[in-house]
Amino acid sequence: MTTPIAIQLWSVQDACQEDFFGTLRHIAEMGYDGVEFAGYYDTPATDLKAKLKELGLGIAGSHIPYEQLRDELDTVIAFEKELGNAYIVCPWAEFETETEWIEFAKSLRLISDKIRDAGLHFVYHNHAHEFEKLGNDYILDVLLAGVHGLEVELDTYWVHHAGVDVVPYMERWADRMPLIHLKDMKRAPIESTEIGNGVLAIRRFAELAEQNGVKWFVIEQEAFEKAPLVSVEIGLKNLRKMVGKQ
């Protein structure tokens, strides 16, 4: 497979907080092709862009909180364009009522239009609760069907966790999925683990994603029995074996 592999830097957030550039260097030395951001640790876009170029790391995307997208969108767009990132990802939203979800979708339409007018992509990252029903449809389906141009960064762990079959759901939105979170699941207790050390069909997900033209495989891990930097290197090595990139 030829799809590049990135890490969602939330997985190693403590290391990033302590030494952001040093952690990026470590990630590059592991063999990752790129990174997906979850904050910039007060780093100017020009400095970060130069460091990524020095390290040979690409940008898979950036997770930007919904509130920031809603309230500071012009600033967000300017930063991402200066950085050279094409994929702005809304990483989380949760509401109690149907009315709140509908209002959220209306807000996403405005955000999506502005992001796409700037020549960038707007992407939504799911958890499990977006597979609750809004009327007769999953919340995630309502968002994707109702927000023009919205794409999805499907998180394989959370789809499975919600009791939804991952492969058919990937096929449903194949043309709207530029990014995919490959996250494996430990059976007992149910929690994320290193890619290849869990029970999910990661190889199958990766194969289908590549067939569907996904732009980046993104490794994410949320729970650890080893040091996070050790775990994400194990996950990378295992994924590279799975997809024939040794």
Protein backbone atom coordinates (compact mmCIF):
# COMPACT_ATOMS: atom_id res chain seq x y z
CA MET A 1 0.00 0.00 0.00
CA THR A 2 1.11 3.54 -0.68
CA THR A 3 -1.12 5.56 1.65
CA PRO A 4 1.04 7.61 4.06
CA ILE A 5 0.78 7.05 7.81
CA ALA A 6 0.42 9.87 10.34
CA ILE A 7 0.02 10.01 14.09
CA GLN A 8 -2.68 11.98 15.88
CA LEU A 9 -0.51 13.94 18.27
CA TRP A 10 -3.16 13.84 21.01
CA SER A 11 -1.80 10.32 21.58
CA VAL A 12 1.48 11.81 22.82
CA GLN A 13 0.13 15.07 24.20
CA ASP A 14 2.22 15.02 27.39
CA ALA A 15 5.43 14.69 25.39
CA CYS A 16 4.30 17.48 23.06
CA GLN A 17 3.55 19.72 26.03
CA GLU A 18 7.02 19.08 27.44
CA ASP A 19 8.99 19.38 24.18
CA PHE A 20 6.90 19.90 21.05
CA PHE A 21 9.71 20.05 18.48
CA GLY A 22 11.63 17.26 20.20
CA THR A 23 8.54 15.05 20.05
CA LEU A 24 8.08 15.84 16.35
CA ARG A 25 11.68 14.83 15.75
CA HIS A 26 11.11 11.57 17.64
CA ILE A 27 7.99 10.88 15.55
CA ALA A 28 9.96 11.45 12.34
CA GLU A 29 12.75 9.16 13.52
CA MET A 30 10.20 6.40 14.17
CA GLY A 31 9.29 6.50 10.50
CA TYR A 32 5.94 8.28 10.50
CA ASP A 33 5.15 10.08 7.26
CA GLY A 34 3.21 12.87 8.91
CA VAL A 35 1.28 14.22 11.85
CA GLU A 36 -2.25 15.26 12.67
CA PHE A 37 -2.28 18.13 15.12
CA ALA A 38 -4.30 18.51 18.31
CA GLY A 39 -3.01 21.94 19.33
CA TYR A 40 0.11 23.95 18.50
CA TYR A 41 1.55 24.79 21.94
CA ASP A 42 1.79 28.51 21.09
CA THR A 43 4.02 27.81 18.09
CA PRO A 44 3.79 30.26 15.15
CA ALA A 45 2.74 28.70 11.87
CA THR A 46 5.92 29.80 10.06
CA ASP A 47 8.18 28.18 12.68
CA LEU A 48 6.18 24.96 12.70
CA LYS A 49 6.09 24.77 8.90
CA ALA A 50 9.87 25.13 8.78
CA LYS A 51 10.34 22.41 11.41
CA LEU A 52 8.08 19.99 9.54
CA LYS A 53 10.02 20.62 6.34
CA GLU A 54 13.29 20.01 8.17
CA LEU A 55 11.99 16.73 9.58
CA GLY A 56 10.32 15.57 6.37
CA LEU A 57 6.88 15.32 8.00
CA GLY A 58 3.65 15.95 6.12
CA ILE A 59 0.40 17.26 7.57
CA ALA A 60 -2.58 14.93 7.66
CA GLY A 61 -4.85 17.51 9.25
CA SER A 62 -5.59 19.37 12.45
CA HIS A 63 -8.21 18.87 15.14
CA ILE A 64 -9.66 22.27 16.04
CA PRO A 65 -12.35 22.56 18.75
CA TYR A 66 -15.83 23.41 17.50
CA GLU A 67 -15.99 26.52 19.69
CA GLN A 68 -12.86 27.86 18.03
CA LEU A 69 -14.24 27.10 14.58
CA ARG A 70 -17.47 28.88 15.50
CA ASP A 71 -15.92 31.94 17.11
CA GLU A 72 -12.49 32.40 15.50
CA LEU A 73 -12.84 30.89 12.04
CA ASP A 74 -11.02 33.61 10.11
CA THR A 75 -8.00 33.26 12.41
CA VAL A 76 -8.11 29.47 12.13
CA ILE A 77 -8.22 29.56 8.33
CA ALA A 78 -5.36 32.05 8.12
CA PHE A 79 -3.17 29.91 10.42
CA GLU A 80 -3.92 26.66 8.60
CA LYS A 81 -3.24 28.18 5.19
CA GLU A 82 0.06 29.60 6.41
CA LEU A 83 0.96 26.23 7.89
CA GLY A 84 0.03 24.39 4.71
CA ASN A 85 -2.68 22.19 6.19
CA ALA A 86 -5.58 21.27 3.89
CA TYR A 87 -7.81 19.38 6.38
CA ILE A 88 -9.56 21.18 9.24
CA VAL A 89 -11.19 18.62 11.52
CA CYS A 90 -13.94 19.19 14.08
CA PRO A 91 -12.94 16.56 16.66
CA TRP A 92 -15.86 16.50 19.08
CA ALA A 93 -19.42 17.63 19.67
CA GLU A 94 -22.07 16.30 22.02
CA PHE A 95 -25.57 17.57 22.71
CA GLU A 96 -28.51 16.39 24.77
CA THR A 97 -31.44 17.21 22.50
CA GLU A 98 -32.45 16.82 18.88
CA THR A 99 -32.91 20.59 18.63
CA GLU A 100 -29.30 21.17 19.73
CA TRP A 101 -27.98 18.74 17.12
CA ILE A 102 -30.04 20.43 14.40
CA GLU A 103 -28.70 23.84 15.43
CA PHE A 104 -25.19 22.39 15.43
CA ALA A 105 -25.68 21.15 11.86
CA LYS A 106 -26.79 24.64 10.83
CA SER A 107 -23.64 26.08 12.36
CA LEU A 108 -21.49 23.50 10.56
CA ARG A 109 -23.02 24.57 7.23
CA LEU A 110 -21.73 28.11 7.72
CA ILE A 111 -18.33 26.86 8.84
CA SER A 112 -18.09 24.40 5.95
CA ASP A 113 -18.95 27.02 3.34
CA LYS A 114 -16.28 29.38 4.61
CA ILE A 115 -13.59 26.71 4.88
CA ARG A 116 -14.30 25.41 1.40
CA ASP A 117 -14.37 28.95 -0.01
CA ALA A 118 -10.81 29.25 1.34
CA GLY A 119 -9.82 26.16 -0.65
CA LEU A 120 -9.58 23.84 2.36
CA HIS A 121 -11.44 20.70 3.46
CA PHE A 122 -13.81 20.52 6.43
CA VAL A 123 -13.93 17.13 8.19
CA TYR A 124 -15.83 15.70 11.16
CA HIS A 125 -14.27 13.10 13.49
CA ASN A 126 -16.72 10.73 15.19
CA HIS A 127 -16.94 9.04 18.55
CA ALA A 128 -19.56 6.47 19.53
CA HIS A 129 -22.43 8.79 20.44
CA GLU A 130 -22.86 9.99 16.85
CA PHE A 131 -24.31 6.53 16.18
CA GLU A 132 -27.30 7.27 18.33
CA LYS A 133 -30.43 8.01 16.33
CA LEU A 134 -31.72 11.42 15.33
CA GLY A 135 -35.14 10.53 14.01
CA ASN A 136 -34.57 7.41 11.90
CA ASP A 137 -30.91 8.05 11.10
CA TYR A 138 -27.58 8.06 12.88
CA ILE A 139 -26.52 11.50 14.02
CA LEU A 140 -23.36 11.19 11.92
CA ASP A 141 -25.42 10.42 8.81
CA VAL A 142 -27.61 13.44 9.48
CA LEU A 143 -24.55 15.67 9.71
CA LEU A 144 -22.92 14.28 6.56
CA ALA A 145 -26.14 14.40 4.57
CA GLY A 146 -27.12 17.84 5.81
CA VAL A 147 -23.85 19.79 5.63
CA HIS A 148 -22.71 20.44 2.08
CA GLY A 149 -19.09 19.53 1.55
CA LEU A 150 -18.57 18.04 5.02
CA GLU A 151 -16.26 15.01 4.99
CA VAL A 152 -15.61 12.41 7.66
CA GLU A 153 -12.53 11.17 9.45
CA LEU A 154 -13.94 7.80 10.47
CA ASP A 155 -12.63 6.47 13.77
CA THR A 156 -12.69 2.67 13.47
CA TYR A 157 -12.54 2.07 17.23
CA TRP A 158 -15.56 4.24 18.01
CA VAL A 159 -17.64 2.87 15.12
CA HIS A 160 -17.09 -0.67 16.44
CA HIS A 161 -17.60 0.49 20.02
CA ALA A 162 -21.02 1.83 18.99
CA GLY A 163 -22.01 -1.62 17.70
CA VAL A 164 -21.86 -0.65 14.03
CA ASP A 165 -20.13 -2.82 11.41
CA VAL A 166 -17.11 -0.80 10.30
CA VAL A 167 -16.67 -2.08 6.73
CA PRO A 168 -20.21 -1.38 5.44
CA TYR A 169 -20.12 2.02 7.08
CA MET A 170 -16.80 2.80 5.40
CA GLU A 171 -18.36 1.81 2.08
CA ARG A 172 -21.38 4.04 2.74
CA TRP A 173 -19.24 7.17 2.91
CA ALA A 174 -16.31 6.04 0.75
CA ASP A 175 -16.28 9.20 -1.36
CA ARG A 176 -16.42 11.50 1.69
CA MET A 177 -13.60 9.99 3.78
CA PRO A 178 -10.19 11.58 3.11
CA LEU A 179 -8.81 10.56 6.52
CA ILE A 180 -9.29 7.49 8.70
CA HIS A 181 -8.36 6.92 12.33
CA LEU A 182 -6.96 3.42 12.68
CA LYS A 183 -7.36 2.64 16.36
CA ASP A 184 -7.31 -0.90 17.73
CA MET A 185 -9.38 -2.30 20.62
CA LYS A 186 -8.39 -4.46 23.55
CA ARG A 187 -11.17 -6.87 24.48
CA ALA A 188 -10.91 -6.89 28.28
CA PRO A 189 -11.23 -4.29 29.49
CA ILE A 190 -12.60 -2.62 26.33
CA GLU A 191 -10.09 0.12 25.63
CA SER A 192 -7.77 1.27 22.86
CA THR A 193 -4.41 -0.42 22.45
CA GLU A 194 -1.49 -0.56 20.03
CA ILE A 195 -2.35 -1.22 16.39
CA GLY A 196 -2.02 -4.97 15.83
CA ASN A 197 -2.33 -5.87 19.51
CA GLY A 198 -6.12 -5.69 19.61
CA VAL A 199 -9.10 -7.47 18.08
CA LEU A 200 -10.20 -5.15 15.26
CA ALA A 201 -9.67 -5.96 11.59
CA ILE A 202 -7.20 -3.14 11.06
CA ARG A 203 -5.64 -4.69 7.94
CA ARG A 204 -9.09 -4.96 6.30
CA PHE A 205 -9.95 -1.38 7.23
CA ALA A 206 -6.67 -0.16 5.77
CA GLU A 207 -7.11 -2.16 2.56
CA LEU A 208 -10.61 -0.81 2.00
CA ALA A 209 -9.58 2.74 2.87
CA GLU A 210 -6.78 2.64 0.31
CA GLN A 211 -9.13 1.22 -2.33
CA ASN A 212 -11.49 4.11 -1.59
CA GLY A 213 -8.74 6.70 -2.05
CA VAL A 214 -8.19 7.80 1.54
CA LYS A 215 -5.38 10.36 1.74
CA TRP A 216 -3.95 9.45 5.17
CA PHE A 217 -3.99 6.58 7.62
CA VAL A 218 -3.92 8.21 11.06
CA ILE A 219 -2.88 6.16 14.09
CA GLU A 220 -4.46 7.20 17.36
CA GLN A 221 -4.26 5.59 20.79
CA GLU A 222 -6.14 6.76 23.87
CA ALA A 223 -5.08 4.33 26.63
CA PHE A 224 -1.63 3.02 27.44
CA GLU A 225 0.08 0.26 29.38
CA LYS A 226 3.49 1.41 28.12
CA ALA A 227 4.91 4.87 27.62
CA PRO A 228 2.86 6.56 24.85
CA LEU A 229 5.91 7.12 22.62
CA VAL A 230 6.75 3.43 22.92
CA SER A 231 3.18 2.38 22.13
CA VAL A 232 2.80 4.56 19.05
CA GLU A 233 6.08 3.19 17.67
CA ILE A 234 4.80 -0.36 18.18
CA GLY A 235 1.57 0.60 16.43
CA LEU A 236 3.44 2.09 13.49
CA LYS A 237 5.67 -0.98 13.07
CA ASN A 238 2.67 -3.30 13.21
CA LEU A 239 0.66 -1.24 10.73
CA ARG A 240 3.58 -1.03 8.33
CA LYS A 241 3.84 -4.83 8.39
CA MET A 242 0.11 -5.14 7.75
CA VAL A 243 0.17 -2.85 4.72
CA GLY A 244 3.49 -4.04 3.30
CA LYS A 245 5.53 -0.94 4.10
CA GLN A 246 8.38 -2.57 6.06
